Amino acid sequence: MLRKYGLASDHILDAHIVDVNGRVLDRKSMGEDLLWAIRGGGGASFGVILPWKVNLAYAPTTLLYSVVARR
């Protein structure tokens, strides 16, 4: 399902983050640049994420899996 839908961080709709100054920011107060960084656009830690809203994908009714034995 990763190839079809991507990572959960790609589908973040909103997040509350505590920044370095101790402020709790939501999507509106942090701005789109910081939200983009939280979703994987940056390579560093920008704060502590408390809750976040993620757009979920529906799982298919049947899944295909396989087991590969290695010797």
N, C-alpha and C. Protein backbone atom coordinates (compact mmCIF):
# COMPACT_ATOMS: atom_id res chain seq x y z
N MET A 1 0.81 -1.19 0.00
CA MET A 1 0.00 0.00 0.00
C MET A 1 0.86 1.26 0.00
N LEU A 2 2.12 1.10 0.37
CA LEU A 2 3.02 2.25 0.38
C LEU A 2 3.22 2.82 -1.01
N ARG A 3 3.34 1.98 -2.00
CA ARG A 3 3.54 2.48 -3.36
C ARG A 3 2.31 3.21 -3.89
N LYS A 4 1.14 2.73 -3.50
CA LYS A 4 -0.08 3.34 -4.01
C LYS A 4 -0.42 4.64 -3.29
N TYR A 5 -0.27 4.66 -1.96
CA TYR A 5 -0.73 5.81 -1.17
C TYR A 5 0.40 6.64 -0.58
N GLY A 6 1.62 6.14 -0.54
CA GLY A 6 2.72 6.89 0.04
C GLY A 6 2.77 6.76 1.56
N LEU A 7 3.58 7.56 2.18
CA LEU A 7 3.74 7.55 3.63
C LEU A 7 2.62 8.32 4.30
N ALA A 8 2.40 8.03 5.57
CA ALA A 8 1.38 8.77 6.33
C ALA A 8 1.75 10.25 6.43
N SER A 9 3.04 10.54 6.50
CA SER A 9 3.46 11.94 6.60
C SER A 9 3.14 12.74 5.33
N ASP A 10 2.91 12.06 4.22
CA ASP A 10 2.52 12.75 2.99
C ASP A 10 1.08 13.25 3.04
N HIS A 11 0.30 12.73 3.97
CA HIS A 11 -1.13 13.04 4.02
C HIS A 11 -1.53 13.79 5.29
N ILE A 12 -0.61 14.52 5.89
CA ILE A 12 -0.92 15.29 7.10
C ILE A 12 -1.78 16.48 6.72
N LEU A 13 -2.92 16.61 7.38
CA LEU A 13 -3.83 17.73 7.14
C LEU A 13 -3.60 18.87 8.12
N ASP A 14 -3.31 18.53 9.37
CA ASP A 14 -3.12 19.54 10.42
C ASP A 14 -2.23 18.93 11.49
N ALA A 15 -1.49 19.75 12.18
CA ALA A 15 -0.63 19.29 13.28
C ALA A 15 -0.50 20.41 14.30
N HIS A 16 -0.34 20.02 15.54
CA HIS A 16 0.00 20.97 16.60
C HIS A 16 1.43 20.67 17.00
N ILE A 17 2.26 21.70 16.97
CA ILE A 17 3.68 21.53 17.22
C ILE A 17 4.13 22.52 18.29
N VAL A 18 5.02 22.07 19.16
CA VAL A 18 5.65 22.96 20.14
C VAL A 18 6.99 23.35 19.56
N ASP A 19 7.17 24.65 19.33
CA ASP A 19 8.42 25.10 18.73
C ASP A 19 9.49 25.31 19.80
N VAL A 20 10.65 25.78 19.40
CA VAL A 20 11.78 25.96 20.29
C VAL A 20 11.51 27.00 21.38
N ASN A 21 10.59 27.92 21.14
CA ASN A 21 10.25 28.94 22.13
C ASN A 21 9.13 28.51 23.07
N GLY A 22 8.62 27.29 22.91
CA GLY A 22 7.58 26.78 23.79
C GLY A 22 6.17 27.14 23.35
N ARG A 23 6.02 27.73 22.17
CA ARG A 23 4.68 28.07 21.66
C ARG A 23 4.06 26.85 21.01
N VAL A 24 2.76 26.67 21.22
CA VAL A 24 2.02 25.61 20.56
C VAL A 24 1.38 26.21 19.31
N LEU A 25 1.76 25.68 18.15
CA LEU A 25 1.30 26.21 16.88
C LEU A 25 0.44 25.19 16.16
N ASP A 26 -0.62 25.67 15.49
CA ASP A 26 -1.40 24.80 14.62
C ASP A 26 -1.08 25.17 13.17
N ARG A 27 -1.80 24.57 12.24
CA ARG A 27 -1.50 24.80 10.82
C ARG A 27 -1.61 26.28 10.45
N LYS A 28 -2.62 26.93 10.97
CA LYS A 28 -2.84 28.33 10.62
C LYS A 28 -1.74 29.23 11.19
N SER A 29 -1.34 28.99 12.43
CA SER A 29 -0.35 29.87 13.05
C SER A 29 1.09 29.52 12.67
N MET A 30 1.35 28.27 12.25
CA MET A 30 2.72 27.92 11.87
C MET A 30 3.04 28.28 10.43
N GLY A 31 2.04 28.33 9.58
CA GLY A 31 2.28 28.66 8.18
C GLY A 31 2.52 27.41 7.35
N GLU A 32 2.36 27.55 6.07
CA GLU A 32 2.47 26.41 5.16
C GLU A 32 3.90 25.90 5.02
N ASP A 33 4.89 26.77 5.23
CA ASP A 33 6.28 26.32 5.09
C ASP A 33 6.66 25.31 6.17
N LEU A 34 6.25 25.57 7.41
CA LEU A 34 6.57 24.64 8.48
C LEU A 34 5.77 23.35 8.33
N LEU A 35 4.53 23.44 7.88
CA LEU A 35 3.75 22.23 7.64
C LEU A 35 4.39 21.40 6.53
N TRP A 36 4.90 22.04 5.51
CA TRP A 36 5.61 21.34 4.43
C TRP A 36 6.84 20.63 4.99
N ALA A 37 7.55 21.28 5.91
CA ALA A 37 8.74 20.68 6.51
C ALA A 37 8.36 19.47 7.36
N ILE A 38 7.26 19.56 8.09
CA ILE A 38 6.80 18.43 8.90
C ILE A 38 6.45 17.24 8.01
N ARG A 39 5.88 17.52 6.85
CA ARG A 39 5.46 16.45 5.93
C ARG A 39 6.64 15.80 5.21
N GLY A 40 7.85 16.20 5.53
CA GLY A 40 9.01 15.54 4.95
C GLY A 40 9.82 16.43 4.04
N GLY A 41 9.50 17.69 3.96
CA GLY A 41 10.23 18.59 3.08
C GLY A 41 11.54 19.08 3.65
N GLY A 42 11.76 18.91 4.93
CA GLY A 42 12.99 19.37 5.56
C GLY A 42 13.77 18.21 6.13
N GLY A 43 15.03 18.45 6.45
CA GLY A 43 15.86 17.37 6.95
C GLY A 43 16.20 17.48 8.41
N ALA A 44 15.52 18.34 9.15
CA ALA A 44 15.86 18.54 10.55
C ALA A 44 14.61 18.46 11.41
N SER A 45 14.82 18.57 12.70
CA SER A 45 13.70 18.55 13.65
C SER A 45 13.28 20.00 13.91
N PHE A 46 11.99 20.26 13.77
CA PHE A 46 11.49 21.62 13.89
C PHE A 46 10.72 21.84 15.18
N GLY A 47 10.55 20.81 15.98
CA GLY A 47 9.80 20.91 17.22
C GLY A 47 9.21 19.56 17.56
N VAL A 48 8.34 19.57 18.57
CA VAL A 48 7.69 18.34 19.01
C VAL A 48 6.25 18.37 18.54
N ILE A 49 5.84 17.35 17.80
CA ILE A 49 4.47 17.29 17.31
C ILE A 49 3.62 16.62 18.37
N LEU A 50 2.53 17.29 18.74
CA LEU A 50 1.63 16.73 19.74
C LEU A 50 0.58 15.88 19.03
N PRO A 51 -0.58 16.38 18.65
CA PRO A 51 -1.50 15.59 17.81
C PRO A 51 -1.37 16.03 16.36
N TRP A 52 -1.81 15.16 15.47
CA TRP A 52 -1.90 15.55 14.07
C TRP A 52 -3.07 14.84 13.43
N LYS A 53 -3.58 15.46 12.37
CA LYS A 53 -4.68 14.89 11.60
C LYS A 53 -4.10 14.36 10.29
N VAL A 54 -4.44 13.11 9.99
CA VAL A 54 -3.92 12.47 8.80
C VAL A 54 -5.10 12.00 7.97
N ASN A 55 -5.05 12.24 6.67
CA ASN A 55 -6.06 11.75 5.76
C ASN A 55 -5.81 10.26 5.53
N LEU A 56 -6.74 9.42 5.98
CA LEU A 56 -6.55 7.98 5.89
C LEU A 56 -7.04 7.43 4.55
N ALA A 57 -6.42 6.37 4.13
CA ALA A 57 -6.84 5.68 2.91
C ALA A 57 -7.60 4.42 3.30
N TYR A 58 -8.56 4.06 2.50
CA TYR A 58 -9.32 2.83 2.76
C TYR A 58 -8.48 1.63 2.35
N ALA A 59 -8.47 0.64 3.21
CA ALA A 59 -7.75 -0.60 2.90
C ALA A 59 -8.61 -1.45 1.98
N PRO A 60 -8.01 -2.11 1.02
CA PRO A 60 -8.79 -2.97 0.13
C PRO A 60 -9.34 -4.17 0.90
N THR A 61 -10.38 -4.78 0.36
CA THR A 61 -11.00 -5.91 1.05
C THR A 61 -10.13 -7.15 0.99
N THR A 62 -9.32 -7.28 -0.03
CA THR A 62 -8.40 -8.41 -0.10
C THR A 62 -6.98 -7.89 -0.30
N LEU A 63 -6.06 -8.55 0.37
CA LEU A 63 -4.66 -8.19 0.25
C LEU A 63 -3.87 -9.39 -0.24
N LEU A 64 -2.84 -9.14 -0.99
CA LEU A 64 -1.96 -10.19 -1.48
C LEU A 64 -0.65 -10.07 -0.74
N TYR A 65 -0.20 -11.16 -0.20
CA TYR A 65 1.10 -11.15 0.44
C TYR A 65 1.82 -12.46 0.11
N SER A 66 3.12 -12.45 0.29
CA SER A 66 3.89 -13.65 0.02
C SER A 66 4.98 -13.77 1.07
N VAL A 67 5.46 -14.96 1.23
CA VAL A 67 6.54 -15.25 2.18
C VAL A 67 7.71 -15.81 1.38
N VAL A 68 8.87 -15.24 1.60
CA VAL A 68 10.06 -15.69 0.92
C VAL A 68 11.00 -16.29 1.97
N ALA A 69 11.32 -17.54 1.83
CA ALA A 69 12.22 -18.21 2.76
C ALA A 69 13.64 -18.08 2.24
N ARG A 70 14.53 -17.68 3.12
CA ARG A 70 15.95 -17.55 2.76
C ARG A 70 16.74 -18.56 3.54
N ARG A 71 17.66 -19.18 2.89
CA ARG A 71 18.51 -20.18 3.57
C ARG A 71 19.91 -19.70 3.68
